[in-house]
Amino acid sequence: MLRVDCARWGQTPQDLRQLAMRAPHARTRERALALYDIAHESCATQVAARTGRHPQTVMEWVHTYNAQGPDALVYCRTGGRPPFAPASRPASTRSCARPETWRLPRP
């Protein structure tokens, strides 16, 4: 059975729960809470089924935490399309983003 090695990093399962409650990003919270559940005698497969993740993904979180510590749980955006930022769009397209401009023309 896969185990979360909190002692290696000077932590307790309760520290993982605190990280899950205070982390700014939802993915970091999800990872920390999954490890907290596994540390409390749940298995990675059960946690994966409850969270809708693939079991191998959850097992990878455990292996990464055991090898690199709690900083490895923090979500970092690695690429792809940038998130929506209205201020960075040209003024000519900002009016399209306002809900009051979404009205359909009357026939």
Protein backbone atom coordinates (compact mmCIF):
# COMPACT_ATOMS: atom_id res chain seq x y z
CA MET A 1 0.00 0.00 0.00
CA LEU A 2 1.19 3.49 -0.86
CA ARG A 3 2.01 5.70 2.14
CA VAL A 4 2.42 9.45 2.55
CA ASP A 5 5.77 10.12 4.28
CA CYS A 6 4.94 13.27 6.27
CA ALA A 7 7.66 12.67 8.87
CA ARG A 8 10.38 12.97 6.24
CA TRP A 9 9.42 16.61 5.78
CA GLY A 10 8.76 17.36 9.45
CA GLN A 11 5.01 17.43 8.93
CA THR A 12 1.94 15.68 10.21
CA PRO A 13 -1.23 14.77 8.29
CA GLN A 14 -2.84 17.74 10.04
CA ASP A 15 -0.30 20.01 8.29
CA LEU A 16 -1.50 18.66 4.95
CA ARG A 17 -5.06 19.48 5.94
CA GLN A 18 -4.03 23.03 6.88
CA LEU A 19 -2.32 23.40 3.50
CA ALA A 20 -5.51 22.18 1.83
CA MET A 21 -7.55 24.80 3.69
CA ARG A 22 -5.18 27.73 3.09
CA ALA A 23 -3.79 27.14 -0.40
CA PRO A 24 -4.73 29.87 -2.87
CA HIS A 25 -5.28 27.56 -5.85
CA ALA A 26 -7.96 24.86 -6.07
CA ARG A 27 -5.60 22.28 -7.57
CA THR A 28 -3.15 22.69 -4.70
CA ARG A 29 -6.02 22.27 -2.24
CA GLU A 30 -7.19 19.14 -4.07
CA ARG A 31 -3.73 17.55 -3.96
CA ALA A 32 -3.13 18.32 -0.28
CA LEU A 33 -6.56 17.04 0.72
CA ALA A 34 -6.03 13.85 -1.27
CA LEU A 35 -2.74 13.23 0.55
CA TYR A 36 -4.42 13.98 3.86
CA ASP A 37 -7.06 11.31 3.09
CA ILE A 38 -4.39 8.79 2.09
CA ALA A 39 -2.43 9.52 5.26
CA HIS A 40 -5.58 8.62 7.22
CA GLU A 41 -5.62 5.01 6.01
CA SER A 42 -7.49 5.56 2.78
CA CYS A 43 -5.99 4.18 -0.43
CA ALA A 44 -5.10 6.22 -3.51
CA THR A 45 -7.61 4.33 -5.65
CA GLN A 46 -10.50 5.20 -3.33
CA VAL A 47 -9.43 8.84 -3.18
CA ALA A 48 -9.19 8.94 -6.97
CA ALA A 49 -12.69 7.50 -7.32
CA ARG A 50 -14.11 10.11 -4.91
CA THR A 51 -12.37 13.02 -6.63
CA GLY A 52 -12.91 11.92 -10.21
CA ARG A 53 -9.18 11.67 -10.91
CA HIS A 54 -7.33 8.76 -12.47
CA PRO A 55 -5.76 6.54 -9.77
CA GLN A 56 -2.32 6.90 -11.33
CA THR A 57 -2.58 10.69 -11.04
CA VAL A 58 -3.23 10.47 -7.31
CA MET A 59 -0.40 7.95 -6.88
CA GLU A 60 1.89 10.35 -8.76
CA TRP A 61 0.99 13.10 -6.26
CA VAL A 62 2.03 10.79 -3.41
CA HIS A 63 5.32 9.84 -5.06
CA THR A 64 6.09 13.47 -5.87
CA TYR A 65 5.33 14.59 -2.31
CA ASN A 66 7.46 11.80 -0.83
CA ALA A 67 10.39 12.71 -3.10
CA GLN A 68 10.20 16.52 -3.18
CA GLY A 69 8.14 17.61 -0.18
CA PRO A 70 5.15 19.91 0.27
CA ASP A 71 6.37 22.47 -2.28
CA ALA A 72 5.80 19.85 -4.98
CA LEU A 73 2.03 20.02 -4.33
CA VAL A 74 1.76 23.67 -5.34
CA TYR A 75 0.06 24.10 -8.70
CA CYS A 76 2.09 25.94 -11.33
CA ARG A 77 0.58 26.85 -14.66
CA THR A 78 2.88 25.38 -17.30
CA GLY A 79 1.55 26.77 -20.53
CA GLY A 80 -1.36 26.93 -22.87
CA ARG A 81 -3.62 29.82 -23.63
CA PRO A 82 -3.34 32.66 -21.10
CA PRO A 83 -6.27 33.17 -18.72
CA PHE A 84 -8.90 35.77 -19.61
CA ALA A 85 -7.76 39.25 -18.61
CA PRO A 86 -10.17 42.00 -19.75
CA ALA A 87 -7.75 44.88 -19.10
CA SER A 88 -5.18 43.39 -21.45
CA ARG A 89 -7.63 43.26 -24.38
CA PRO A 90 -7.87 46.10 -26.89
CA ALA A 91 -10.58 48.68 -26.16
CA SER A 92 -12.40 47.80 -29.37
CA THR A 93 -13.08 44.25 -28.12
CA ARG A 94 -13.83 45.04 -24.48
CA SER A 95 -17.41 46.08 -25.24
CA CYS A 96 -18.08 42.54 -26.49
CA ALA A 97 -17.19 41.18 -23.07
CA ARG A 98 -19.79 43.21 -21.16
CA PRO A 99 -23.04 41.29 -20.52
CA GLU A 100 -25.20 44.31 -21.41
CA THR A 101 -23.87 44.07 -24.99
CA TRP A 102 -24.99 40.46 -25.38
CA ARG A 103 -28.54 41.35 -26.42
CA LEU A 104 -29.74 39.96 -29.70
CA PRO A 105 -31.16 42.42 -32.23
CA ARG A 106 -34.96 42.47 -32.47
CA PRO A 107 -36.46 41.22 -35.75
